[in-house]
Amino acid sequence: MSILIKNIDCLVTCEGSHRKKGKEMNDANIIENGFVFIEDDIISAVGKDEEYKSYIDEDTIIISGKGKTVTPGLVDPHTHLVYSGSRENELPLKLNKVGYIEILNMG
Protein backbone atom coordinates (compact mmCIF):
# COMPACT_ATOMS: atom_id res chain seq x y z
CA MET A 1 0.00 0.00 0.00
CA SER A 2 1.22 3.49 -0.77
CA ILE A 3 0.18 6.88 0.58
CA LEU A 4 0.97 10.31 -0.83
CA ILE A 5 0.61 13.47 1.23
CA LYS A 6 0.80 16.35 -1.24
CA ASN A 7 0.39 20.13 -1.25
CA ILE A 8 2.07 20.34 2.17
CA ASP A 9 2.46 24.00 3.08
CA CYS A 10 5.49 23.42 5.32
CA LEU A 11 7.47 20.18 5.02
CA VAL A 12 10.30 20.01 7.56
CA THR A 13 12.86 17.40 6.53
CA CYS A 14 15.57 15.59 8.45
CA GLU A 15 17.98 16.17 5.59
CA GLY A 16 21.66 16.15 6.47
CA SER A 17 24.52 13.83 7.23
CA HIS A 18 24.76 14.49 10.97
CA ARG A 19 22.82 15.64 14.00
CA LYS A 20 22.54 19.41 14.12
CA LYS A 21 23.64 21.37 17.14
CA GLY A 22 24.12 24.98 18.09
CA LYS A 23 23.48 27.49 15.30
CA GLU A 24 23.05 24.67 12.76
CA MET A 25 19.63 24.05 14.32
CA ASN A 26 18.43 27.34 12.78
CA ASP A 27 18.50 25.62 9.37
CA ALA A 28 15.29 23.60 9.51
CA ASN A 29 15.38 22.31 5.90
CA ILE A 30 11.86 23.52 5.09
CA ILE A 31 10.25 22.69 1.75
CA GLU A 32 7.24 24.81 0.85
CA ASN A 33 4.52 23.05 -1.16
CA GLY A 34 6.05 19.63 -0.66
CA PHE A 35 5.08 15.96 -0.62
CA VAL A 36 5.75 12.82 1.41
CA PHE A 37 5.44 9.40 -0.21
CA ILE A 38 4.99 6.37 2.04
CA GLU A 39 5.24 2.83 0.73
CA ASP A 40 4.64 -0.26 2.90
CA ASP A 41 4.72 1.93 6.05
CA ILE A 42 8.13 3.39 5.17
CA ILE A 43 8.79 6.99 4.12
CA SER A 44 10.22 6.47 0.63
CA ALA A 45 10.48 10.02 -0.68
CA VAL A 46 10.03 13.67 0.22
CA GLY A 47 10.39 16.68 -2.02
CA LYS A 48 8.74 19.51 -3.91
CA ASP A 49 5.18 18.83 -5.00
CA GLU A 50 5.95 18.81 -8.73
CA GLU A 51 8.20 15.74 -8.22
CA TYR A 52 5.66 13.28 -6.74
CA LYS A 53 3.98 12.03 -9.95
CA SER A 54 6.62 9.39 -10.67
CA TYR A 55 5.89 7.68 -7.33
CA ILE A 56 2.12 7.18 -7.51
CA ASP A 57 -0.14 4.69 -9.25
CA GLU A 58 -3.91 4.19 -9.40
CA ASP A 59 -3.94 2.48 -5.96
CA THR A 60 -2.08 5.24 -4.10
CA ILE A 61 -4.08 6.87 -1.32
CA ILE A 62 -3.75 10.63 -1.75
CA ILE A 63 -4.08 13.03 1.20
CA SER A 64 -4.00 16.82 1.04
CA GLY A 65 -1.46 18.53 3.27
CA LYS A 66 -2.85 21.99 2.45
CA GLY A 67 -2.54 24.28 5.46
CA LYS A 68 -0.44 21.72 7.35
CA THR A 69 3.08 21.37 8.67
CA VAL A 70 4.51 17.85 8.28
CA THR A 71 7.65 16.56 10.03
CA PRO A 72 8.40 13.09 8.62
CA GLY A 73 10.98 11.16 10.56
CA LEU A 74 10.68 13.30 13.67
CA VAL A 75 10.78 11.08 16.72
CA ASP A 76 10.24 12.69 20.11
CA PRO A 77 11.52 10.28 22.78
CA HIS A 78 11.02 12.92 25.49
CA THR A 79 10.27 11.28 28.83
CA HIS A 80 11.03 11.61 32.52
CA LEU A 81 12.28 8.68 34.59
CA VAL A 82 10.71 10.17 37.70
CA TYR A 83 7.33 8.95 36.45
CA SER A 84 8.56 5.34 36.01
CA GLY A 85 6.19 2.82 34.59
CA SER A 86 3.88 3.20 31.65
CA ARG A 87 2.00 6.42 30.91
CA GLU A 88 0.38 5.21 27.70
CA ASN A 89 -3.10 5.46 29.22
CA GLU A 90 -2.61 9.24 29.56
CA LEU A 91 -2.57 9.97 25.82
CA PRO A 92 -6.35 9.67 25.33
CA LEU A 93 -6.84 11.91 28.38
CA LYS A 94 -4.48 14.56 27.00
CA LEU A 95 -6.21 14.40 23.62
CA ASN A 96 -9.47 15.14 25.45
CA LYS A 97 -7.89 18.19 27.11
CA VAL A 98 -7.62 16.69 30.59
CA GLY A 99 -5.03 18.75 32.51
CA TYR A 100 -1.83 17.39 34.04
CA ILE A 101 -2.96 18.04 37.61
CA GLU A 102 -6.21 16.17 37.02
CA ILE A 103 -4.27 13.25 35.50
CA LEU A 104 -1.87 13.33 38.47
CA ASN A 105 -4.79 13.18 40.90
CA MET A 106 -6.13 10.10 39.10
CA GLY A 107 -3.08 8.22 40.35
PDB file of N, CA and C in Angstrom:
ATOM      1  N   MET A   1       0.839  -1.176   0.000  1.00  0.00           N
ATOM      2  CA  MET A   1       0.000   0.000   0.000  1.00  0.00           C
ATOM      3  C   MET A   1       0.885   1.240   0.000  1.00  0.00           C
ATOM      4  N   SER A   2       0.463   2.249  -0.743  1.00  0.00           N
ATOM      5  CA  SER A   2       1.219   3.494  -0.770  1.00  0.00           C
ATOM      6  C   SER A   2       0.298   4.670  -0.457  1.00  0.00           C
ATOM      7  N   ILE A   3       0.891   5.669   0.185  1.00  0.00           N
ATOM      8  CA  ILE A   3       0.177   6.884   0.579  1.00  0.00           C
ATOM      9  C   ILE A   3       1.001   8.075   0.123  1.00  0.00           C
ATOM     10  N   LEU A   4       0.323   9.057  -0.442  1.00  0.00           N
ATOM     11  CA  LEU A   4       0.966  10.305  -0.829  1.00  0.00           C
ATOM     12  C   LEU A   4       0.290  11.442  -0.070  1.00  0.00           C
ATOM     13  N   ILE A   5       1.095  12.232   0.632  1.00  0.00           N
ATOM     14  CA  ILE A   5       0.608  13.474   1.227  1.00  0.00           C
ATOM     15  C   ILE A   5       1.191  14.580   0.365  1.00  0.00           C
ATOM     16  N   LYS A   6       0.319  15.328  -0.305  1.00  0.00           N
ATOM     17  CA  LYS A   6       0.798  16.351  -1.240  1.00  0.00           C
ATOM     18  C   LYS A   6       0.276  17.725  -0.840  1.00  0.00           C
ATOM     19  N   ASN A   7       0.787  18.741  -1.513  1.00  0.00           N
ATOM     20  CA  ASN A   7       0.386  20.131  -1.249  1.00  0.00           C
ATOM     21  C   ASN A   7       0.666  20.546   0.191  1.00  0.00           C
ATOM     22  N   ILE A   8       1.717  20.014   0.785  1.00  0.00           N
ATOM     23  CA  ILE A   8       2.071  20.342   2.169  1.00  0.00           C
ATOM     24  C   ILE A   8       2.626  21.758   2.202  1.00  0.00           C
ATOM     25  N   ASP A   9       1.998  22.608   2.996  1.00  0.00           N
ATOM     26  CA  ASP A   9       2.460  24.000   3.081  1.00  0.00           C
ATOM     27  C   ASP A   9       3.879  24.099   3.622  1.00  0.00           C
ATOM     28  N   CYS A  10       4.175  23.333   4.669  1.00  0.00           N
ATOM     29  CA  CYS A  10       5.486  23.418   5.325  1.00  0.00           C
ATOM     30  C   CYS A  10       5.968  22.002   5.633  1.00  0.00           C
ATOM     31  N   LEU A  11       6.896  21.510   4.835  1.00  0.00           N
ATOM     32  CA  LEU A  11       7.467  20.180   5.017  1.00  0.00           C
ATOM     33  C   LEU A  11       8.854  20.350   5.625  1.00  0.00           C
ATOM     34  N   VAL A  12       9.022  19.887   6.857  1.00  0.00           N
ATOM     35  CA  VAL A  12      10.298  20.013   7.562  1.00  0.00           C
ATOM     36  C   VAL A  12      11.015  18.674   7.447  1.00  0.00           C
ATOM     37  N   THR A  13      12.160  18.659   6.765  1.00  0.00           N
ATOM     38  CA  THR A  13      12.862  17.399   6.527  1.00  0.00           C
ATOM     39  C   THR A  13      13.978  17.178   7.549  1.00  0.00           C
ATOM     40  N   CYS A  14      14.434  15.952   7.594  1.00  0.00           N
ATOM     41  CA  CYS A  14      15.568  15.589   8.454  1.00  0.00           C
ATOM     42  C   CYS A  14      16.831  15.485   7.613  1.00  0.00           C
ATOM     43  N   GLU A  15      16.865  16.223   6.523  1.00  0.00           N
ATOM     44  CA  GLU A  15      17.984  16.173   5.586  1.00  0.00           C
ATOM     45  C   GLU A  15      19.295  16.545   6.280  1.00  0.00           C
ATOM     46  N   GLY A  16      20.338  15.852   5.927  1.00  0.00           N
ATOM     47  CA  GLY A  16      21.655  16.153   6.467  1.00  0.00           C
ATOM     48  C   GLY A  16      22.397  14.883   6.820  1.00  0.00           C
ATOM     49  N   SER A  17      23.696  15.007   6.971  1.00  0.00           N
ATOM     50  CA  SER A  17      24.523  13.829   7.234  1.00  0.00           C
ATOM     51  C   SER A  17      24.836  13.641   8.712  1.00  0.00           C
ATOM     52  N   HIS A  18      24.466  14.618   9.542  1.00  0.00           N
ATOM     53  CA  HIS A  18      24.764  14.495  10.968  1.00  0.00           C
ATOM     54  C   HIS A  18      23.723  15.248  11.797  1.00  0.00           C
ATOM     55  N   ARG A  19      23.721  14.967  13.071  1.00  0.00           N
ATOM     56  CA  ARG A  19      22.816  15.638  13.998  1.00  0.00           C
ATOM     57  C   ARG A  19      23.216  17.097  14.098  1.00  0.00           C
ATOM     58  N   LYS A  20      22.238  17.983  14.042  1.00  0.00           N
ATOM     59  CA  LYS A  20      22.536  19.411  14.119  1.00  0.00           C
ATOM     60  C   LYS A  20      22.627  19.847  15.567  1.00  0.00           C
ATOM     61  N   LYS A  21      23.517  20.804  15.801  1.00  0.00           N
ATOM     62  CA  LYS A  21      23.637  21.366  17.141  1.00  0.00           C
ATOM     63  C   LYS A  21      24.011  22.832  17.023  1.00  0.00           C
ATOM     64  N   GLY A  22      23.785  23.563  18.083  1.00  0.00           N
ATOM     65  CA  GLY A  22      24.116  24.980  18.089  1.00  0.00           C
ATOM     66  C   GLY A  22      23.378  25.749  17.010  1.00  0.00           C
ATOM     67  N   LYS A  23      24.091  26.628  16.321  1.00  0.00           N
ATOM     68  CA  LYS A  23      23.484  27.488  15.302  1.00  0.00           C
ATOM     69  C   LYS A  23      22.999  26.707  14.082  1.00  0.00           C
ATOM     70  N   GLU A  24      23.527  25.493  13.880  1.00  0.00           N
ATOM     71  CA  GLU A  24      23.051  24.666  12.765  1.00  0.00           C
ATOM     72  C   GLU A  24      21.556  24.380  12.883  1.00  0.00           C
ATOM     73  N   MET A  25      21.041  24.370  14.109  1.00  0.00           N
ATOM     74  CA  MET A  25      19.631  24.053  14.317  1.00  0.00           C
ATOM     75  C   MET A  25      18.707  25.124  13.752  1.00  0.00           C
ATOM     76  N   ASN A  26      19.246  26.301  13.408  1.00  0.00           N
ATOM     77  CA  ASN A  26      18.432  27.340  12.782  1.00  0.00           C
ATOM     78  C   ASN A  26      18.063  26.994  11.344  1.00  0.00           C
ATOM     79  N   ASP A  27      18.794  26.061  10.724  1.00  0.00           N
ATOM     80  CA  ASP A  27      18.496  25.622   9.365  1.00  0.00           C
ATOM     81  C   ASP A  27      17.576  24.409   9.450  1.00  0.00           C
ATOM     82  N   ALA A  28      16.283  24.653   9.294  1.00  0.00           N
ATOM     83  CA  ALA A  28      15.291  23.597   9.508  1.00  0.00           C
ATOM     84  C   ALA A  28      14.979  22.776   8.262  1.00  0.00           C
ATOM     85  N   ASN A  29      15.627  23.064   7.140  1.00  0.00           N
ATOM     86  CA  ASN A  29      15.377  22.315   5.900  1.00  0.00           C
ATOM     87  C   ASN A  29      13.889  22.260   5.564  1.00  0.00           C
ATOM     88  N   ILE A  30      13.290  23.421   5.373  1.00  0.00           N
ATOM     89  CA  ILE A  30      11.863  23.522   5.092  1.00  0.00           C
ATOM     90  C   ILE A  30      11.627  23.539   3.583  1.00  0.00           C
ATOM     91  N   ILE A  31      10.694  22.700   3.145  1.00  0.00           N
ATOM     92  CA  ILE A  31      10.251  22.687   1.755  1.00  0.00           C
ATOM     93  C   ILE A  31       8.821  23.210   1.741  1.00  0.00           C
ATOM     94  N   GLU A  32       8.592  24.294   1.005  1.00  0.00           N
ATOM     95  CA  GLU A  32       7.236  24.812   0.853  1.00  0.00           C
ATOM     96  C   GLU A  32       6.570  24.100  -0.317  1.00  0.00           C
ATOM     97  N   ASN A  33       5.290  23.769  -0.147  1.00  0.00           N
ATOM     98  CA  ASN A  33       4.518  23.054  -1.163  1.00  0.00           C
ATOM     99  C   ASN A  33       5.206  21.728  -1.507  1.00  0.00           C
ATOM    100  N   GLY A  34       5.334  20.887  -0.500  1.00  0.00           N
ATOM    101  CA  GLY A  34       6.047  19.629  -0.663  1.00  0.00           C
ATOM    102  C   GLY A  34       5.155  18.404  -0.619  1.00  0.00           C
ATOM    103  N   PHE A  35       5.795  17.238  -0.698  1.00  0.00           N
ATOM    104  CA  PHE A  35       5.078  15.963  -0.620  1.00  0.00           C
ATOM    105  C   PHE A  35       5.875  14.970   0.214  1.00  0.00           C
ATOM    106  N   VAL A  36       5.151  13.979   0.746  1.00  0.00           N
ATOM    107  CA  VAL A  36       5.750  12.823   1.412  1.00  0.00           C
ATOM    108  C   VAL A  36       5.109  11.591   0.788  1.00  0.00           C
ATOM    109  N   PHE A  37       5.941  10.643   0.359  1.00  0.00           N
ATOM    110  CA  PHE A  37       5.442   9.396  -0.212  1.00  0.00           C
ATOM    111  C   PHE A  37       5.808   8.265   0.733  1.00  0.00           C
ATOM    112  N   ILE A  38       4.808   7.471   1.098  1.00  0.00           N
ATOM    113  CA  ILE A  38       4.986   6.366   2.044  1.00  0.00           C
ATOM    114  C   ILE A  38       4.602   5.078   1.328  1.00  0.00           C
ATOM    115  N   GLU A  39       5.500   4.109   1.378  1.00  0.00           N
ATOM    116  CA  GLU A  39       5.240   2.827   0.731  1.00  0.00           C
ATOM    117  C   GLU A  39       5.523   1.712   1.721  1.00  0.00           C
ATOM    118  N   ASP A  40       4.526   0.845   1.936  1.00  0.00           N
ATOM    119  CA  ASP A  40       4.642  -0.255   2.896  1.00  0.00           C
ATOM    120  C   ASP A  40       5.098   0.251   4.262  1.00  0.00           C
ATOM    121  N   ASP A  41       4.466   1.331   4.735  1.00  0.00           N
ATOM    122  CA  ASP A  41       4.718   1.928   6.054  1.00  0.00           C
ATOM    123  C   ASP A  41       6.112   2.535   6.209  1.00  0.00           C
ATOM    124  N   ILE A  42       6.804   2.781   5.121  1.00  0.00           N
ATOM    125  CA  ILE A  42       8.135   3.387   5.168  1.00  0.00           C
ATOM    126  C   ILE A  42       8.123   4.660   4.328  1.00  0.00           C
ATOM    127  N   ILE A  43       8.668   5.749   4.882  1.00  0.00           N
ATOM    128  CA  ILE A  43       8.787   6.986   4.116  1.00  0.00           C
ATOM    129  C   ILE A  43       9.810   6.737   3.015  1.00  0.00           C
ATOM    130  N   SER A  44       9.351   6.778   1.771  1.00  0.00           N
ATOM    131  CA  SER A  44      10.216   6.474   0.631  1.00  0.00           C
ATOM    132  C   SER A  44      10.781   7.711  -0.034  1.00  0.00           C
ATOM    133  N   ALA A  45      10.027   8.814   0.010  1.00  0.00           N
ATOM    134  CA  ALA A  45      10.482  10.022  -0.681  1.00  0.00           C
ATOM    135  C   ALA A  45       9.818  11.254  -0.086  1.00  0.00           C
ATOM    136  N   VAL A  46      10.559  12.346  -0.114  1.00  0.00           N
ATOM    137  CA  VAL A  46      10.034  13.672   0.223  1.00  0.00           C
ATOM    138  C   VAL A  46      10.593  14.638  -0.814  1.00  0.00           C
ATOM    139  N   GLY A  47       9.877  15.708  -1.062  1.00  0.00           N
ATOM    140  CA  GLY A  47      10.387  16.678  -2.019  1.00  0.00           C
ATOM    141  C   GLY A  47       9.371  17.738  -2.362  1.00  0.00           C
ATOM    142  N   LYS A  48       9.660  18.476  -3.424  1.00  0.00           N
ATOM    143  CA  LYS A  48       8.744  19.510  -3.910  1.00  0.00           C
ATOM    144  C   LYS A  48       7.578  18.836  -4.628  1.00  0.00           C
ATOM    145  N   ASP A  49       6.411  19.438  -4.497  1.00  0.00           N
ATOM    146  CA  ASP A  49       5.180  18.834  -4.999  1.00  0.00           C
ATOM    147  C   ASP A  49       5.249  18.395  -6.460  1.00  0.00           C
ATOM    148  N   GLU A  50       5.934  19.153  -7.306  1.00  0.00           N
ATOM    149  CA  GLU A  50       5.950  18.806  -8.732  1.00  0.00           C
ATOM    150  C   GLU A  50       6.716  17.511  -9.023  1.00  0.00           C
ATOM    151  N   GLU A  51       7.396  16.945  -8.012  1.00  0.00           N
ATOM    152  CA  GLU A  51       8.203  15.738  -8.219  1.00  0.00           C
ATOM    153  C   GLU A  51       7.483  14.436  -7.860  1.00  0.00           C
ATOM    154  N   TYR A  52       6.275  14.493  -7.280  1.00  0.00           N
ATOM    155  CA  TYR A  52       5.657  13.283  -6.739  1.00  0.00           C
ATOM    156  C   TYR A  52       5.057  12.346  -7.792  1.00  0.00           C
ATOM    157  N   LYS A  53       4.753  12.816  -8.976  1.00  0.00           N
ATOM    158  CA  LYS A  53       3.979  12.029  -9.946  1.00  0.00           C
ATOM    159  C   LYS A  53       4.638  10.710 -10.334  1.00  0.00           C
ATOM    160  N   SER A  54       5.944  10.632 -10.298  1.00  0.00           N
ATOM    161  CA  SER A  54       6.622   9.386 -10.674  1.00  0.00           C
ATOM    162  C   SER A  54       6.481   8.300  -9.604  1.00  0.00           C
ATOM    163  N   TYR A  55       6.004   8.654  -8.418  1.00  0.00           N
ATOM    164  CA  TYR A  55       5.891   7.682  -7.332  1.00  0.00           C
ATOM    165  C   TYR A  55       4.520   7.024  -7.244  1.00  0.00           C
ATOM    166  N   ILE A  56       3.481   7.660  -7.769  1.00  0.00           N
ATOM    167  CA  ILE A  56       2.124   7.180  -7.513  1.00  0.00           C
ATOM    168  C   ILE A  56       1.603   6.278  -8.628  1.00  0.00           C
ATOM    169  N   ASP A  57       0.607   5.468  -8.265  1.00  0.00           N
ATOM    170  CA  ASP A  57      -0.138   4.692  -9.247  1.00  0.00           C
ATOM    171  C   ASP A  57      -1.624   4.810  -8.899  1.00  0.00           C
ATOM    172  N   GLU A  58      -2.463   4.049  -9.599  1.00  0.00           N
ATOM    173  CA  GLU A  58      -3.913   4.186  -9.397  1.00  0.00           C
ATOM    174  C   GLU A  58      -4.377   3.724  -8.016  1.00  0.00           C
ATOM    175  N   ASP A  59      -3.555   2.961  -7.291  1.00  0.00           N
ATOM    176  CA  ASP A  59      -3.936   2.477  -5.964  1.00  0.00           C
ATOM    177  C   ASP A  59      -3.425   3.350  -4.821  1.00  0.00           C
ATOM    178  N   THR A  60      -2.650   4.369  -5.131  1.00  0.00           N
ATOM    179  CA  THR A  60      -2.084   5.237  -4.096  1.00  0.00           C
ATOM    180  C   THR A  60      -3.183   6.045  -3.416  1.00  0.00           C
ATOM    181  N   ILE A  61      -3.171   6.029  -2.099  1.00  0.00           N
ATOM    182  CA  ILE A  61      -4.081   6.874  -1.318  1.00  0.00           C
ATOM    183  C   ILE A  61      -3.477   8.266  -1.286  1.00  0.00           C
ATOM    184  N   ILE A  62      -4.254   9.265  -1.679  1.00  0.00           N
ATOM    185  CA  ILE A  62      -3.746  10.635  -1.750  1.00  0.00           C
ATOM    186  C   ILE A  62      -4.428  11.486  -0.687  1.00  0.00           C
ATOM    187  N   ILE A  63      -3.608  12.175   0.105  1.00  0.00           N
ATOM    188  CA  ILE A  63      -4.079  13.030   1.198  1.00  0.00           C
ATOM    189  C   ILE A  63      -3.565  14.438   0.958  1.00  0.00           C
ATOM    190  N   SER A  64      -4.420  15.424   1.188  1.00  0.00           N
ATOM    191  CA  SER A  64      -4.001  16.817   1.039  1.00  0.00           C
ATOM    192  C   SER A  64      -3.321  17.297   2.318  1.00  0.00           C
ATOM    193  N   GLY A  65      -2.174  17.928   2.148  1.00  0.00           N
ATOM    194  CA  GLY A  65      -1.459  18.532   3.273  1.00  0.00           C
ATOM    195  C   GLY A  65      -1.626  20.043   3.294  1.00  0.00           C
ATOM    196  N   LYS A  66      -2.614  20.545   2.552  1.00  0.00           N
ATOM    197  CA  LYS A  66      -2.848  21.994   2.455  1.00  0.00           C
ATOM    198  C   LYS A  66      -3.114  22.571   3.841  1.00  0.00           C
ATOM    199  N   GLY A  67      -2.367  23.628   4.172  1.00  0.00           N
ATOM    200  CA  GLY A  67      -2.538  24.285   5.464  1.00  0.00           C
ATOM    201  C   GLY A  67      -1.858  23.559   6.613  1.00  0.00           C
ATOM    202  N   LYS A  68      -1.062  22.549   6.309  1.00  0.00           N
ATOM    203  CA  LYS A  68      -0.443  21.719   7.348  1.00  0.00           C
ATOM    204  C   LYS A  68       1.072  21.858   7.356  1.00  0.00           C
ATOM    205  N   THR A  69       1.644  21.543   8.513  1.00  0.00           N
ATOM    206  CA  THR A  69       3.084  21.366   8.667  1.00  0.00           C
ATOM    207  C   THR A  69       3.313  19.884   8.907  1.00  0.00           C
ATOM    208  N   VAL A  70       4.228  19.286   8.170  1.00  0.00           N
ATOM    209  CA  VAL A  70       4.512  17.854   8.280  1.00  0.00           C
ATOM    210  C   VAL A  70       5.984  17.680   8.614  1.00  0.00           C
ATOM    211  N   THR A  71       6.270  16.813   9.586  1.00  0.00           N
ATOM    212  CA  THR A  71       7.648  16.563  10.029  1.00  0.00           C
ATOM    213  C   THR A  71       7.954  15.065   9.950  1.00  0.00           C
ATOM    214  N   PRO A  72       8.127  14.519   8.734  1.00  0.00           N
ATOM    215  CA  PRO A  72       8.401  13.089   8.616  1.00  0.00           C
ATOM    216  C   PRO A  72       9.735  12.733   9.268  1.00  0.00           C
ATOM    217  N   GLY A  73       9.748  11.615   9.945  1.00  0.00           N
ATOM    218  CA  GLY A  73      10.984  11.159  10.563  1.00  0.00           C
ATOM    219  C   GLY A  73      11.267  11.764  11.921  1.00  0.00           C
ATOM    220  N   LEU A  74      10.447  12.700  12.363  1.00  0.00           N
ATOM    221  CA  LEU A  74      10.677  13.304  13.674  1.00  0.00           C
ATOM    222  C   LEU A  74      10.208  12.336  14.749  1.00  0.00           C
ATOM    223  N   VAL A  75      11.101  11.957  15.607  1.00  0.00           N
ATOM    224  CA  VAL A  75      10.780  11.084  16.723  1.00  0.00           C
ATOM    225  C   VAL A  75      11.062  11.862  17.990  1.00  0.00           C
ATOM    226  N   ASP A  76      10.073  11.958  18.862  1.00  0.00           N
ATOM    227  CA  ASP A  76      10.242  12.687  20.113  1.00  0.00           C
ATOM    228  C   ASP A  76      10.249  11.689  21.265  1.00  0.00           C
ATOM    229  N   PRO A  77      11.435  11.256  21.704  1.00  0.00           N
ATOM    230  CA  PRO A  77      11.525  10.285  22.778  1.00  0.00           C
ATOM    231  C   PRO A  77      11.483  10.925  24.161  1.00  0.00           C
ATOM    232  N   HIS A  78      11.022  12.158  24.242  1.00  0.00           N
ATOM    233  CA  HIS A  78      11.025  12.924  25.487  1.00  0.00           C
ATOM    234  C   HIS A  78      10.257  12.186  26.589  1.00  0.00           C
ATOM    235  N   THR A  79      10.916  11.941  27.692  1.00  0.00           N
ATOM    236  CA  THR A  79      10.274  11.283  28.829  1.00  0.00           C
ATOM    237  C   THR A  79      11.017  11.646  30.103  1.00  0.00           C
ATOM    238  N   HIS A  80      10.424  11.347  31.218  1.00  0.00           N
ATOM    239  CA  HIS A  80      11.029  11.613  32.521  1.00  0.00           C
ATOM    240  C   HIS A  80      11.033  10.323  33.330  1.00  0.00           C
ATOM    241  N   LEU A  81      12.189   9.904  33.794  1.00  0.00           N
ATOM    242  CA  LEU A  81      12.279   8.683  34.589  1.00  0.00           C
ATOM    243  C   LEU A  81      11.525   8.791  35.900  1.00  0.00           C
ATOM    244  N   VAL A  82      11.382   9.987  36.414  1.00  0.00           N
ATOM    245  CA  VAL A  82      10.714  10.167  37.697  1.00  0.00           C
ATOM    246  C   VAL A  82       9.303   9.581  37.686  1.00  0.00           C
ATOM    247  N   TYR A  83       8.685   9.487  36.524  1.00  0.00           N
ATOM    248  CA  TYR A  83       7.329   8.950  36.452  1.00  0.00           C
ATOM    249  C   TYR A  83       7.325   7.425  36.472  1.00  0.00           C
ATOM    250  N   SER A  84       8.406   6.794  36.133  1.00  0.00           N
ATOM    251  CA  SER A  84       8.561   5.344  36.006  1.00  0.00           C
ATOM    252  C   SER A  84       7.260   4.616  35.697  1.00  0.00           C
ATOM    253  N   GLY A  85       7.378   3.558  34.998  1.00  0.00           N
ATOM    254  CA  GLY A  85       6.191   2.818  34.593  1.00  0.00           C
ATOM    255  C   GLY A  85       5.615   3.364  33.302  1.00  0.00           C
ATOM    256  N   SER A  86       4.510   2.809  32.903  1.00  0.00           N
ATOM    257  CA  SER A  86       3.882   3.200  31.645  1.00  0.00           C
ATOM    258  C   SER A  86       2.919   4.364  31.840  1.00  0.00           C
ATOM    259  N   ARG A  87       2.935   5.294  30.882  1.00  0.00           N
ATOM    260  CA  ARG A  87       1.999   6.424  30.911  1.00  0.00           C
ATOM    261  C   ARG A  87       1.125   6.415  29.658  1.00  0.00           C
ATOM    262  N   GLU A  88       1.108   5.268  28.960  1.00  0.00           N
ATOM    263  CA  GLU A  88       0.381   5.209  27.698  1.00  0.00           C
ATOM    264  C   GLU A  88      -1.111   5.484  27.845  1.00  0.00           C
ATOM    265  N   ASN A  89      -1.677   5.206  29.013  1.00  0.00           N
ATOM    266  CA  ASN A  89      -3.100   5.459  29.224  1.00  0.00           C
ATOM    267  C   ASN A  89      -3.415   6.953  29.306  1.00  0.00           C
ATOM    268  N   GLU A  90      -2.383   7.798  29.447  1.00  0.00           N
ATOM    269  CA  GLU A  90      -2.608   9.239  29.560  1.00  0.00           C
ATOM    270  C   GLU A  90      -2.863   9.910  28.215  1.00  0.00           C
ATOM    271  N   LEU A  91      -2.421   9.325  27.124  1.00  0.00           N
ATOM    272  CA  LEU A  91      -2.569   9.974  25.824  1.00  0.00           C
ATOM    273  C   LEU A  91      -4.027  10.287  25.490  1.00  0.00           C
ATOM    274  N   PRO A  92      -4.950   9.327  25.627  1.00  0.00           N
ATOM    275  CA  PRO A  92      -6.351   9.672  25.334  1.00  0.00           C
ATOM    276  C   PRO A  92      -6.873  10.794  26.234  1.00  0.00           C
ATOM    277  N   LEU A  93      -6.413  10.832  27.479  1.00  0.00           N
ATOM    278  CA  LEU A  93      -6.837  11.905  28.385  1.00  0.00           C
ATOM    279  C   LEU A  93      -6.333  13.255  27.890  1.00  0.00           C
ATOM    280  N   LYS A  94      -5.055  13.300  27.497  1.00  0.00           N
ATOM    281  CA  LYS A  94      -4.477  14.557  26.995  1.00  0.00           C
ATOM    282  C   LYS A  94      -5.177  15.015  25.722  1.00  0.00           C
ATOM    283  N   LEU A  95      -5.514  14.059  24.854  1.00  0.00           N
ATOM    284  CA  LEU A  95      -6.212  14.404  23.618  1.00  0.00           C
ATOM    285  C   LEU A  95      -7.600  14.975  23.891  1.00  0.00           C
ATOM    286  N   ASN A  96      -8.159  14.615  25.047  1.00  0.00           N
ATOM    287  CA  ASN A  96      -9.466  15.136  25.450  1.00  0.00           C
ATOM    288  C   ASN A  96      -9.338  16.322  26.392  1.00  0.00           C
ATOM    289  N   LYS A  97      -8.154  16.951  26.383  1.00  0.00           N
ATOM    290  CA  LYS A  97      -7.888  18.192  27.107  1.00  0.00           C
ATOM    291  C   LYS A  97      -7.985  18.063  28.635  1.00  0.00           C
ATOM    292  N   VAL A  98      -7.704  16.870  29.148  1.00  0.00           N
ATOM    293  CA  VAL A  98      -7.624  16.690  30.594  1.00  0.00           C
ATOM    294  C   VAL A  98      -6.275  17.244  31.043  1.00  0.00           C
ATOM    295  N   GLY A  99      -6.260  18.096  32.058  1.00  0.00           N
ATOM    296  CA  GLY A  99      -5.034  18.748  32.509  1.00  0.00           C
ATOM    297  C   GLY A  99      -4.106  17.816  33.275  1.00  0.00           C
ATOM    298  N   TYR A 100      -2.832  18.209  33.364  1.00  0.00           N
ATOM    299  CA  TYR A 100      -1.829  17.387  34.043  1.00  0.00           C
ATOM    300  C   TYR A 100      -2.164  17.168  35.516  1.00  0.00           C
ATOM    301  N   ILE A 101      -2.639  18.186  36.184  1.00  0.00           N
ATOM    302  CA  ILE A 101      -2.961  18.044  37.610  1.00  0.00           C
ATOM    303  C   ILE A 101      -4.091  17.042  37.790  1.00  0.00           C
ATOM    304  N   GLU A 102      -5.099  17.116  36.940  1.00  0.00           N
ATOM    305  CA  GLU A 102      -6.210  16.170  37.025  1.00  0.00           C
ATOM    306  C   GLU A 102      -5.725  14.743  36.763  1.00  0.00           C
ATOM    307  N   ILE A 103      -4.839  14.577  35.777  1.00  0.00           N
ATOM    308  CA  ILE A 103      -4.270  13.251  35.500  1.00  0.00           C
ATOM    309  C   ILE A 103      -3.455  12.778  36.697  1.00  0.00           C
ATOM    310  N   LEU A 104      -2.663  13.670  37.281  1.00  0.00           N
ATOM    311  CA  LEU A 104      -1.869  13.332  38.465  1.00  0.00           C
ATOM    312  C   LEU A 104      -2.766  12.861  39.597  1.00  0.00           C
ATOM    313  N   ASN A 105      -3.867  13.541  39.816  1.00  0.00           N
ATOM    314  CA  ASN A 105      -4.786  13.182  40.900  1.00  0.00           C
ATOM    315  C   ASN A 105      -5.505  11.865  40.661  1.00  0.00           C
ATOM    316  N   MET A 106      -5.517  11.394  39.412  1.00  0.00           N
ATOM    317  CA  MET A 106      -6.130  10.099  39.100  1.00  0.00           C
ATOM    318  C   MET A 106      -5.245   8.938  39.560  1.00  0.00           C
ATOM    319  N   GLY A 107      -3.993   9.262  39.883  1.00  0.00           N
ATOM    320  CA  GLY A 107      -3.082   8.219  40.348  1.00  0.00           C
ATOM    321  C   GLY A 107      -2.247   7.724  39.251  1.00  0.00           C
TER     322      GLY A 107
END
